[in-house]
Amino acid sequence: KVLGDWWTNWTIMVMPPSAFFILGVIVWWARSKTEKEEKEKEGGTALS
């Protein structure tokens, strides 16, 4: 094992449809966080 016995396997990532769904959620979260930080740098609010 690469990560040792303490690691719990992510069986949801083994199933292709679930893996694409999880990957999509992660990308959506990262993009929204990045856009929010860029708006705050410009001096605007994140909601506008």
Protein backbone atom coordinates (compact mmCIF):
# COMPACT_ATOMS: atom_id res chain seq x y z
CA LYS A 1 0.00 0.00 0.00
CA VAL A 2 1.19 3.47 -0.82
CA LEU A 3 -0.61 5.37 1.95
CA GLY A 4 -0.57 2.73 4.67
CA ASP A 5 -3.26 1.06 6.74
CA TRP A 6 -4.73 4.32 8.02
CA TRP A 7 -6.10 5.20 4.53
CA THR A 8 -9.74 4.36 3.80
CA ASN A 9 -10.33 3.41 0.17
CA TRP A 10 -12.68 5.66 -1.75
CA THR A 11 -14.88 3.11 -3.46
CA ILE A 12 -17.10 5.85 -4.91
CA MET A 13 -14.14 7.01 -7.03
CA VAL A 14 -13.81 3.52 -8.54
CA MET A 15 -17.22 3.73 -10.15
CA PRO A 16 -16.85 5.86 -13.33
CA PRO A 17 -20.16 7.81 -13.16
CA SER A 18 -19.58 8.69 -9.53
CA ALA A 19 -15.98 9.67 -10.17
CA PHE A 20 -17.01 12.10 -12.92
CA PHE A 21 -19.69 13.57 -10.66
CA ILE A 22 -17.25 14.06 -7.78
CA LEU A 23 -14.64 15.53 -10.13
CA GLY A 24 -17.24 17.96 -11.49
CA VAL A 25 -18.17 19.09 -7.98
CA ILE A 26 -14.51 19.64 -7.10
CA VAL A 27 -13.91 21.70 -10.26
CA TRP A 28 -17.10 23.72 -9.66
CA TRP A 29 -16.05 24.46 -6.06
CA ALA A 30 -12.51 25.47 -7.07
CA ARG A 31 -13.72 27.78 -9.86
CA SER A 32 -16.30 29.48 -7.67
CA LYS A 33 -13.70 30.04 -4.95
CA THR A 34 -11.23 31.48 -7.47
CA GLU A 35 -13.85 33.78 -9.01
CA LYS A 36 -14.88 35.00 -5.56
CA GLU A 37 -11.28 35.86 -4.66
CA GLU A 38 -10.77 37.70 -7.97
CA LYS A 39 -13.92 39.78 -7.43
CA GLU A 40 -12.79 40.71 -3.92
CA LYS A 41 -9.38 41.79 -5.27
CA GLU A 42 -11.11 44.08 -7.77
CA GLY A 43 -12.96 45.78 -4.95
CA GLY A 44 -16.41 44.47 -5.80
CA THR A 45 -18.55 42.14 -3.82
CA ALA A 46 -18.69 38.44 -4.55
CA LEU A 47 -22.45 38.56 -5.02
CA SER A 48 -22.58 41.24 -7.71
